[in-house]
Amino acid sequence: MEQQVWDACLNAIKEKINPLAFKTWFFPIKPLSFSGCELTIEVPSQFFYEWIEENYSSFLKQALKDVIGPEAKLMYSIVMDKSQGQPVTIELPHQNAMNGDFITASRATESRPKNTEEFERNLARFETHLNTKYTFDTLIRGDCNSLAFAASKSVAQSPGQNAFNPLVIYGGVGLGKTHMMQAVGNSVRENRLSERVLYVSSEKFAIDFVNAIQNGKIQEFSSFYRSIDVLIIDDIQFFSGKEKTQEEIFHIFNTLHQSNKQIILSADRPIKDIKGIEDRLISRFNWGLSADIQPPDYETRKAIILSKLHQSGVNLDDTVIEFIATNVTENVRELEGCIVKLLAAQSLDNREIDLQFTKATLKDIIRHTTKRLTLDTIEKAICSYFSITPNDLKGKSKKKEIAVGRQIAMYLAKHMTDSSLKTIGLHFGGRDHSTVIHAVNTITKRVDSVTDERKKIEEIKKRIEILSM
């Protein structure tokens, strides 16, 4: 019965969101039970649950009401690593709950294979080429990598048994693609889900393939890769133009995919933009999910710095942390490099790491400093334009000019700064992220359809630019 109810809900939701989003976020959900007006569904992880609630709760809520009725209630069962099967109640904001009740989530124990002596021996013997320091615990999650993070966690919990096969993670240099992919492999190994996990760079794969041809060992090469349970290949853009290598990858891919083995790939750009890759290979790479990683926003950069300092057992003054987070914006690797360089210079000079010392030490890395647009600047421009006070803007008044000004402030903050939804909501009166999302969507629709609204936004932007000088 629960399957029929859930299928009906899926049919209703499918019409309202794009096919890729539907496949990514609703295919992995399983209906567990249906009793009275209460439906229980299982999702692969805590983050998966949070993403559904943040982005698709309105569609889910409406579908449940349409299928079950106005008294519909929803429960989540969240599969968690290392859980003990103890239920936990998650209290959600009133506007996200069904009929004002709180949605309850229970954590189900992840099923794992028995740890036989033979399995453990094979696990210890197989060379994975994984770096054990790359784990989910040391990976900072932010708006810049949220989709890739969620998909990677899901893959780590059920490799080869999910909609994300292959999982393709793409983005610029130094943004954490390798870290994220290897975190999946390390998690799979740690939880004893597979003994045969392999990480390999595209360059090493191509070199080993050429050597196998020269030494007459191509059959051994091919058989080895077809025996892998979780195959992780880094920087596939380097396969461009290598026709024989691509042909071998094509056959390995087919074998693994048909056997429900997990494939994880990374690239420095979207698959469709890589020149010199065969169409049939591009088609297969697009069977699963492609998730991008963007340069980290300010909050994520600051979290990365704090994490690196924590690992090093060092504390730095907030002004130093904010200086680095503000000025190193494009590259996680460079961000971590700043901390390493600072600590190395400090140990040599035996000086306190203050702002002056930081600027001098990092002058080659931080070539120029630009004034960062702040939420306070947007707040001042909005208050000036609408002739209202900051207290009005951050308060609970629903007067039209104040409410509209507040929504425009959140809209501009989302598009003109790298602040997270949570930070924006907190700044403008302690509101939650769903309020910010609603404001952004509302103003976006007005800007797209009303000429006067576009002119108003442009005028406010000019005031912001003046205040930022």
Protein backbone atom coordinates (compact mmCIF):
# COMPACT_ATOMS: atom_id res chain seq x y z
CA MET A 1 0.00 0.00 0.00
CA GLU A 2 2.81 2.42 0.92
CA GLN A 3 4.39 1.88 -2.51
CA GLN A 4 1.14 2.84 -4.27
CA VAL A 5 0.77 5.98 -2.14
CA TRP A 6 4.40 6.98 -2.75
CA ASP A 7 4.14 6.31 -6.50
CA ALA A 8 1.12 8.60 -6.65
CA CYS A 9 3.07 11.29 -4.78
CA LEU A 10 6.00 10.88 -7.18
CA ASN A 11 3.73 11.29 -10.19
CA ALA A 12 2.46 14.58 -8.76
CA ILE A 13 5.96 15.85 -7.93
CA LYS A 14 7.47 14.74 -11.25
CA GLU A 15 5.38 17.24 -13.18
CA LYS A 16 6.68 20.19 -11.16
CA ILE A 17 10.48 19.81 -11.11
CA ASN A 18 13.12 19.16 -13.75
CA PRO A 19 13.94 15.51 -14.62
CA LEU A 20 17.52 15.57 -13.31
CA ALA A 21 16.47 16.96 -9.93
CA PHE A 22 13.68 14.38 -9.75
CA LYS A 23 16.06 11.52 -10.52
CA THR A 24 18.70 12.84 -8.10
CA TRP A 25 16.55 13.49 -5.05
CA PHE A 26 13.47 11.29 -5.35
CA PHE A 27 14.68 8.04 -6.95
CA PRO A 28 16.73 7.05 -3.84
CA ILE A 29 13.76 7.52 -1.47
CA LYS A 30 12.00 4.33 -0.36
CA PRO A 31 8.50 4.13 1.17
CA LEU A 32 8.60 2.09 4.40
CA SER A 33 5.06 2.12 5.75
CA PHE A 34 1.65 3.73 5.46
CA SER A 35 -0.86 3.73 8.30
CA GLY A 36 -3.93 5.92 8.58
CA CYS A 37 -2.78 9.26 7.18
CA GLU A 38 0.88 8.76 8.05
CA LEU A 39 3.50 7.86 5.43
CA THR A 40 7.06 6.91 6.42
CA ILE A 41 9.84 7.21 3.85
CA GLU A 42 13.54 6.31 4.05
CA VAL A 43 16.25 8.70 2.82
CA PRO A 44 19.97 7.82 2.50
CA SER A 45 21.43 10.42 4.85
CA GLN A 46 20.87 13.36 7.16
CA PHE A 47 22.09 15.79 4.52
CA PHE A 48 19.75 14.23 1.95
CA TYR A 49 16.86 14.87 4.34
CA GLU A 50 17.96 18.48 4.91
CA TRP A 51 18.25 19.11 1.15
CA ILE A 52 14.75 17.72 0.48
CA GLU A 53 13.29 19.88 3.26
CA GLU A 54 15.08 23.02 2.10
CA ASN A 55 14.37 22.71 -1.61
CA TYR A 56 11.37 20.46 -2.21
CA SER A 57 9.26 20.46 0.96
CA SER A 58 6.49 22.53 -0.65
CA PHE A 59 6.13 20.07 -3.57
CA LEU A 60 6.23 17.11 -1.19
CA LYS A 61 3.69 18.65 1.15
CA GLN A 62 1.23 19.45 -1.65
CA ALA A 63 1.60 15.97 -3.17
CA LEU A 64 0.86 14.32 0.18
CA LYS A 65 -2.23 16.46 0.66
CA ASP A 66 -3.44 15.69 -2.86
CA VAL A 67 -2.91 11.94 -2.50
CA ILE A 68 -3.68 11.30 1.18
CA GLY A 69 -5.77 14.31 2.13
CA PRO A 70 -5.49 17.38 4.35
CA GLU A 71 -4.66 15.25 7.42
CA ALA A 72 -1.54 13.80 5.79
CA LYS A 73 1.52 13.32 7.98
CA LEU A 74 5.06 12.45 6.97
CA MET A 75 7.85 10.64 8.80
CA TYR A 76 11.45 10.25 7.68
CA SER A 77 13.70 7.30 8.40
CA ILE A 78 17.27 8.49 7.92
CA VAL A 79 20.02 5.96 7.30
CA MET A 80 23.05 7.03 9.28
CA ASP A 81 26.57 5.59 9.42
CA LYS A 82 27.60 4.17 12.80
CA SER A 83 24.15 4.64 14.25
CA GLN A 84 22.77 2.40 16.92
CA GLY A 85 19.26 2.41 15.54
CA GLN A 86 18.03 4.78 18.24
CA PRO A 87 15.13 7.02 17.14
CA VAL A 88 15.70 10.75 17.15
CA THR A 89 13.02 13.42 16.75
CA ILE A 90 13.84 16.37 14.52
CA GLU A 91 11.68 19.40 15.20
CA LEU A 92 11.18 21.41 12.03
CA PRO A 93 9.98 25.00 11.61
CA HIS A 94 6.20 25.25 11.79
CA GLN A 95 5.86 26.29 8.13
CA ASN A 96 7.57 23.08 6.95
CA ALA A 97 5.47 20.74 9.05
CA MET A 98 2.32 18.94 8.02
CA ASN A 99 -0.67 20.52 9.79
CA GLY A 100 1.65 22.27 12.23
CA ASP A 101 2.84 18.95 13.67
CA PHE A 102 6.53 18.17 13.79
CA ILE A 103 7.91 15.68 11.32
CA THR A 104 9.72 12.85 13.03
CA ALA A 105 12.85 11.23 11.70
CA SER A 106 14.30 7.94 12.91
CA ARG A 107 17.80 6.77 12.20
CA ALA A 108 18.04 3.30 10.73
CA THR A 109 21.17 1.23 11.12
CA GLU A 110 23.16 0.87 7.93
CA SER A 111 23.42 -2.77 6.89
CA ARG A 112 26.97 -3.97 6.44
CA PRO A 113 28.60 -7.19 5.32
CA LYS A 114 29.92 -9.53 7.98
CA ASN A 115 33.56 -8.88 8.73
CA THR A 116 34.98 -12.29 7.93
CA GLU A 117 38.67 -13.01 8.38
CA GLU A 118 39.09 -13.44 4.63
CA PHE A 119 37.40 -10.09 3.95
CA GLU A 120 39.68 -8.36 6.43
CA ARG A 121 42.78 -9.96 4.92
CA ASN A 122 41.74 -8.85 1.43
CA LEU A 123 40.95 -5.37 2.73
CA ALA A 124 44.43 -5.02 4.20
CA ARG A 125 46.15 -6.49 1.16
CA PHE A 126 44.45 -4.45 -1.61
CA GLU A 127 46.31 -1.24 -2.58
CA THR A 128 43.73 1.53 -3.00
CA HIS A 129 46.06 4.53 -3.56
CA LEU A 130 43.72 6.49 -1.29
CA ASN A 131 45.06 9.19 1.02
CA THR A 132 43.61 8.41 4.45
CA LYS A 133 43.58 12.09 5.45
CA TYR A 134 40.86 12.76 2.87
CA THR A 135 37.66 12.05 4.80
CA PHE A 136 34.22 13.60 5.12
CA ASP A 137 35.16 14.71 8.64
CA THR A 138 37.95 16.92 7.25
CA LEU A 139 35.87 18.19 4.32
CA ILE A 140 34.08 21.48 4.91
CA ARG A 141 30.55 21.58 3.49
CA GLY A 142 29.17 24.87 2.17
CA ASP A 143 26.82 26.29 -0.43
CA CYS A 144 29.68 25.97 -2.93
CA ASN A 145 29.79 22.17 -2.79
CA SER A 146 26.46 21.13 -1.25
CA LEU A 147 25.15 19.02 -4.15
CA ALA A 148 28.46 17.23 -4.70
CA PHE A 149 28.76 16.66 -0.94
CA ALA A 150 25.26 15.21 -0.64
CA ALA A 151 25.70 12.93 -3.64
CA SER A 152 29.12 11.76 -2.40
CA LYS A 153 27.71 10.90 1.02
CA SER A 154 24.89 8.97 -0.61
CA VAL A 155 27.32 7.05 -2.84
CA ALA A 156 29.53 6.25 0.17
CA GLN A 157 26.56 4.67 1.95
CA SER A 158 25.41 2.52 -0.97
CA PRO A 159 28.07 2.33 -3.71
CA GLY A 160 26.67 1.12 -7.02
CA GLN A 161 23.14 0.94 -5.62
CA ASN A 162 22.03 4.52 -6.22
CA ALA A 163 21.03 6.90 -8.99
CA PHE A 164 24.44 8.61 -8.94
CA ASN A 165 26.37 6.16 -11.12
CA PRO A 166 28.60 7.47 -12.44
CA LEU A 167 29.08 10.40 -10.09
CA VAL A 168 30.97 13.17 -11.90
CA ILE A 169 32.39 16.01 -9.81
CA TYR A 170 33.72 19.00 -11.74
CA GLY A 171 35.21 22.38 -10.90
CA GLY A 172 38.36 24.48 -11.00
CA VAL A 173 41.79 23.69 -9.62
CA GLY A 174 42.18 23.40 -5.86
CA LEU A 175 38.48 23.35 -4.93
CA GLY A 176 38.44 19.93 -3.25
CA LYS A 177 37.38 17.48 -5.98
CA THR A 178 40.09 14.96 -5.13
CA HIS A 179 39.37 15.29 -1.41
CA MET A 180 35.67 14.61 -1.94
CA MET A 181 36.15 11.60 -4.22
CA GLN A 182 38.70 10.00 -1.93
CA ALA A 183 36.44 10.66 1.06
CA VAL A 184 33.91 8.36 -0.61
CA GLY A 185 36.52 5.64 -1.06
CA ASN A 186 37.79 5.94 2.50
CA SER A 187 34.24 5.83 3.87
CA VAL A 188 33.42 2.70 1.85
CA ARG A 189 36.55 1.00 3.19
CA GLU A 190 36.04 2.16 6.77
CA ASN A 191 32.50 0.80 6.82
CA ARG A 192 33.59 -2.49 5.22
CA LEU A 193 31.23 -2.09 2.26
CA SER A 194 33.89 -3.22 -0.22
CA GLU A 195 37.49 -4.41 -0.23
CA ARG A 196 38.24 -3.35 -3.82
CA VAL A 197 38.26 0.44 -3.95
CA LEU A 198 40.74 2.09 -6.32
CA TYR A 199 41.75 5.71 -6.82
CA VAL A 200 43.80 6.52 -9.93
CA SER A 201 44.67 9.68 -11.82
CA SER A 202 43.83 9.73 -15.51
CA GLU A 203 47.53 10.22 -16.26
CA LYS A 204 48.52 7.06 -14.34
CA PHE A 205 45.72 5.09 -15.97
CA ALA A 206 46.91 6.15 -19.45
CA ILE A 207 50.58 5.38 -18.67
CA ASP A 208 49.75 1.96 -17.21
CA PHE A 209 47.58 1.21 -20.23
CA VAL A 210 50.42 2.02 -22.67
CA ASN A 211 52.84 -0.09 -20.60
CA ALA A 212 50.37 -2.98 -20.64
CA ILE A 213 50.20 -2.83 -24.43
CA GLN A 214 54.01 -2.70 -24.76
CA ASN A 215 54.51 -5.62 -22.36
CA GLY A 216 51.73 -7.79 -23.79
CA LYS A 217 49.70 -7.59 -20.57
CA ILE A 218 46.59 -5.81 -21.83
CA GLN A 219 44.35 -8.71 -20.77
CA GLU A 220 45.67 -8.54 -17.20
CA PHE A 221 45.23 -4.75 -17.18
CA SER A 222 41.64 -4.98 -18.40
CA SER A 223 40.72 -7.83 -16.03
CA PHE A 224 42.11 -5.94 -13.04
CA TYR A 225 40.05 -2.79 -13.67
CA ARG A 226 36.90 -4.81 -14.37
CA SER A 227 37.27 -6.44 -10.95
CA ILE A 228 37.07 -3.13 -9.05
CA ASP A 229 33.98 -2.39 -6.91
CA VAL A 230 34.47 1.38 -6.59
CA LEU A 231 36.59 2.94 -9.35
CA ILE A 232 37.66 6.57 -8.81
CA ILE A 233 39.37 8.33 -11.73
CA ASP A 234 40.67 11.90 -11.30
CA ASP A 235 40.91 14.59 -14.03
CA ILE A 236 39.30 12.76 -16.95
CA GLN A 237 39.84 15.80 -19.20
CA PHE A 238 43.35 14.37 -19.76
CA PHE A 239 41.80 11.49 -21.73
CA SER A 240 41.08 14.04 -24.47
CA GLY A 241 42.48 12.86 -27.80
CA LYS A 242 43.69 9.48 -26.45
CA GLU A 243 41.51 7.25 -28.63
CA LYS A 244 42.83 3.83 -27.56
CA THR A 245 42.69 4.78 -23.89
CA GLN A 246 39.12 6.02 -24.31
CA GLU A 247 38.14 2.75 -25.97
CA GLU A 248 39.51 0.79 -23.00
CA ILE A 249 37.70 3.10 -20.57
CA PHE A 250 34.50 2.58 -22.57
CA HIS A 251 34.62 -1.21 -22.16
CA ILE A 252 35.64 -1.04 -18.48
CA PHE A 253 32.83 1.44 -17.82
CA ASN A 254 30.24 -0.85 -19.46
CA THR A 255 31.35 -3.88 -17.47
CA LEU A 256 31.38 -2.09 -14.13
CA HIS A 257 28.11 -0.25 -14.68
CA GLN A 258 26.27 -3.40 -15.77
CA SER A 259 27.58 -5.14 -12.64
CA ASN A 260 26.30 -2.32 -10.40
CA LYS A 261 29.83 -1.27 -9.48
CA GLN A 262 30.35 2.38 -8.54
CA ILE A 263 32.21 4.79 -10.83
CA ILE A 264 33.34 8.23 -9.64
CA LEU A 265 35.01 10.72 -11.97
CA SER A 266 36.34 14.27 -11.73
CA ALA A 267 37.00 16.94 -14.35
CA ASP A 268 37.97 20.59 -14.46
CA ARG A 269 34.86 21.50 -16.48
CA PRO A 270 31.43 20.06 -17.42
CA ILE A 271 31.67 16.82 -19.41
CA LYS A 272 29.98 18.39 -22.45
CA ASP A 273 32.70 21.06 -22.62
CA ILE A 274 35.63 18.62 -22.80
CA LYS A 275 36.90 18.48 -26.36
CA GLY A 276 38.36 15.29 -27.83
CA ILE A 277 36.19 12.86 -25.84
CA GLU A 278 34.14 10.38 -27.87
CA ASP A 279 30.38 10.98 -27.94
CA ARG A 280 29.62 7.44 -26.74
CA LEU A 281 31.83 8.01 -23.69
CA ILE A 282 30.30 11.41 -22.95
CA SER A 283 26.87 9.79 -23.17
CA ARG A 284 27.82 7.21 -20.55
CA PHE A 285 29.46 9.76 -18.27
CA ASN A 286 26.12 11.60 -18.28
CA TRP A 287 24.10 8.54 -17.19
CA GLY A 288 24.43 9.45 -13.53
CA LEU A 289 24.84 12.79 -11.80
CA SER A 290 27.20 15.66 -12.59
CA ALA A 291 27.76 18.00 -9.63
CA ASP A 292 29.93 21.10 -9.68
CA ILE A 293 32.08 22.62 -6.96
CA GLN A 294 32.30 26.41 -6.95
CA PRO A 295 34.87 28.64 -5.23
CA PRO A 296 33.97 28.77 -1.52
CA ASP A 297 31.94 31.65 -0.11
CA TYR A 298 33.22 33.75 2.78
CA GLU A 299 31.68 31.60 5.53
CA THR A 300 33.06 28.42 3.99
CA ARG A 301 36.51 29.95 3.56
CA LYS A 302 36.52 30.96 7.20
CA ALA A 303 35.40 27.47 8.24
CA ILE A 304 38.23 25.94 6.18
CA ILE A 305 40.78 28.17 7.89
CA LEU A 306 39.43 27.32 11.36
CA SER A 307 39.47 23.61 10.52
CA LYS A 308 43.09 23.80 9.34
CA LEU A 309 44.08 25.69 12.49
CA HIS A 310 42.28 23.13 14.65
CA GLN A 311 44.17 20.29 12.95
CA SER A 312 47.43 22.17 13.59
CA GLY A 313 46.55 22.93 17.21
CA VAL A 314 46.98 26.67 16.63
CA ASN A 315 44.79 29.68 17.43
CA LEU A 316 44.90 32.91 15.41
CA ASP A 317 43.36 36.30 16.05
CA ASP A 318 39.99 36.88 14.35
CA THR A 319 41.39 39.82 12.37
CA VAL A 320 44.03 37.55 10.81
CA ILE A 321 41.45 34.88 9.96
CA GLU A 322 39.09 37.44 8.42
CA PHE A 323 41.93 39.01 6.41
CA ILE A 324 42.84 35.68 4.83
CA ALA A 325 39.21 34.64 4.26
CA THR A 326 38.45 37.97 2.59
CA ASN A 327 41.45 38.04 0.27
CA VAL A 328 41.97 34.41 -0.79
CA THR A 329 38.71 33.67 -2.57
CA GLU A 330 39.18 31.26 -5.46
CA ASN A 331 41.17 28.27 -4.27
CA VAL A 332 40.85 26.03 -1.22
CA ARG A 333 44.37 24.69 -1.73
CA GLU A 334 45.77 28.24 -1.72
CA LEU A 335 43.75 29.02 1.38
CA GLU A 336 45.29 26.09 3.23
CA GLY A 337 48.69 27.06 1.81
CA CYS A 338 48.40 30.46 3.49
CA ILE A 339 48.04 28.82 6.89
CA VAL A 340 51.01 26.52 6.25
CA LYS A 341 53.17 29.46 5.14
CA LEU A 342 52.15 31.56 8.14
CA LEU A 343 52.96 28.79 10.61
CA ALA A 344 56.29 28.07 8.90
CA ALA A 345 57.29 31.76 8.91
CA GLN A 346 56.25 32.14 12.53
CA SER A 347 58.34 29.16 13.61
CA LEU A 348 61.41 30.63 11.86
CA ASP A 349 60.97 34.22 13.05
CA ASN A 350 59.54 33.33 16.47
CA ARG A 351 57.07 36.21 16.18
CA GLU A 352 53.43 36.58 17.08
CA ILE A 353 51.13 36.14 14.08
CA ASP A 354 49.35 39.50 14.00
CA LEU A 355 47.76 41.29 11.05
CA GLN A 356 50.96 43.14 10.09
CA PHE A 357 53.00 39.93 10.13
CA THR A 358 50.28 38.15 8.10
CA LYS A 359 50.20 40.84 5.40
CA ALA A 360 53.98 40.81 5.08
CA THR A 361 54.22 37.00 4.98
CA LEU A 362 51.41 36.50 2.48
CA LYS A 363 52.12 39.49 0.21
CA ASP A 364 53.11 37.20 -2.69
CA ILE A 365 49.90 35.18 -2.37
CA ILE A 366 47.57 38.07 -1.70
CA ARG A 367 48.45 40.38 -4.57
CA HIS A 368 45.75 42.93 -4.00
CA THR A 369 42.96 43.64 -1.59
CA THR A 370 39.55 44.81 -2.74
CA LYS A 371 36.87 46.18 -0.52
CA ARG A 372 34.30 43.48 0.09
CA LEU A 373 30.64 44.34 -0.25
CA THR A 374 28.96 43.74 3.08
CA LEU A 375 25.39 43.16 4.20
CA ASP A 376 25.61 46.40 6.17
CA THR A 377 26.20 48.31 2.92
CA ILE A 378 23.10 46.75 1.34
CA GLU A 379 21.14 47.54 4.48
CA LYS A 380 22.15 51.22 4.33
CA ALA A 381 21.19 51.50 0.64
CA ILE A 382 17.77 49.89 1.22
CA CYS A 383 17.00 52.10 4.22
CA SER A 384 18.02 55.19 2.26
CA TYR A 385 15.93 54.26 -0.79
CA PHE A 386 12.76 53.35 1.14
CA SER A 387 13.24 55.98 3.88
CA ILE A 388 13.03 53.41 6.66
CA THR A 389 15.23 52.64 9.66
CA PRO A 390 17.40 49.55 10.20
CA ASN A 391 15.06 48.57 13.04
CA ASP A 392 12.13 48.69 10.61
CA LEU A 393 14.02 46.55 8.12
CA LYS A 394 14.97 43.92 10.69
CA GLY A 395 11.71 44.06 12.61
CA LYS A 396 8.38 42.27 12.17
CA SER A 397 6.45 45.05 10.45
CA LYS A 398 4.43 43.89 7.42
CA LYS A 399 3.83 47.36 5.98
CA LYS A 400 4.22 47.13 2.22
CA GLU A 401 7.24 49.41 1.77
CA ILE A 402 9.08 47.76 4.68
CA ALA A 403 8.23 44.20 3.61
CA VAL A 404 9.23 44.89 0.00
CA GLY A 405 12.44 46.60 1.11
CA ARG A 406 13.30 43.60 3.28
CA GLN A 407 12.71 41.19 0.39
CA ILE A 408 14.82 43.28 -1.99
CA ALA A 409 17.59 43.46 0.61
CA MET A 410 17.66 39.66 0.85
CA TYR A 411 17.51 39.34 -2.95
CA LEU A 412 20.48 41.69 -3.44
CA ALA A 413 22.42 40.06 -0.59
CA LYS A 414 22.02 36.67 -2.28
CA HIS A 415 23.15 37.95 -5.70
CA MET A 416 25.79 40.51 -4.73
CA THR A 417 27.60 38.84 -1.82
CA ASP A 418 28.90 35.37 -1.06
CA SER A 419 26.97 35.19 2.23
CA SER A 420 25.03 31.99 2.90
CA LEU A 421 21.24 31.95 3.15
CA LYS A 422 21.57 31.39 6.89
CA THR A 423 23.83 34.44 7.32
CA ILE A 424 21.50 36.64 5.26
CA GLY A 425 18.48 35.55 7.27
CA LEU A 426 20.23 36.18 10.58
CA HIS A 427 21.38 39.64 9.49
CA PHE A 428 17.92 40.80 8.45
CA GLY A 429 16.11 40.09 11.67
CA GLY A 430 17.04 36.54 12.63
CA ARG A 431 14.96 34.92 9.89
CA ASP A 432 15.52 31.36 8.65
CA HIS A 433 16.79 30.29 5.24
CA SER A 434 13.30 29.45 3.92
CA THR A 435 12.27 33.10 4.39
CA VAL A 436 15.31 34.21 2.37
CA ILE A 437 14.50 31.70 -0.39
CA HIS A 438 10.91 32.99 -0.55
CA ALA A 439 12.13 36.62 -0.74
CA VAL A 440 14.63 35.83 -3.51
CA ASN A 441 12.03 33.93 -5.54
CA THR A 442 9.43 36.68 -5.10
CA ILE A 443 11.73 39.49 -6.25
CA THR A 444 13.14 37.37 -9.09
CA LYS A 445 9.62 36.93 -10.51
CA ARG A 446 8.95 40.67 -10.24
CA VAL A 447 12.25 41.59 -11.89
CA ASP A 448 11.53 39.17 -14.74
CA SER A 449 8.02 40.45 -15.38
CA VAL A 450 7.77 44.09 -14.22
CA THR A 451 9.84 46.83 -15.89
CA ASP A 452 9.47 49.27 -12.99
CA GLU A 453 10.77 46.62 -10.60
CA ARG A 454 13.92 46.18 -12.69
CA LYS A 455 14.49 49.95 -12.68
CA LYS A 456 14.04 50.05 -8.90
CA ILE A 457 16.61 47.28 -8.40
CA GLU A 458 19.13 49.01 -10.69
CA GLU A 459 18.75 52.28 -8.82
CA ILE A 460 19.34 50.56 -5.48
CA LYS A 461 22.39 48.82 -6.93
CA LYS A 462 23.84 52.20 -7.93
CA ARG A 463 23.41 53.44 -4.36
CA ILE A 464 25.17 50.30 -3.11
CA GLU A 465 28.08 50.90 -5.49
CA ILE A 466 28.43 54.49 -4.25
CA LEU A 467 28.41 53.36 -0.62
CA SER A 468 31.00 50.69 -1.41
CA MET A 469 33.56 53.15 -2.79
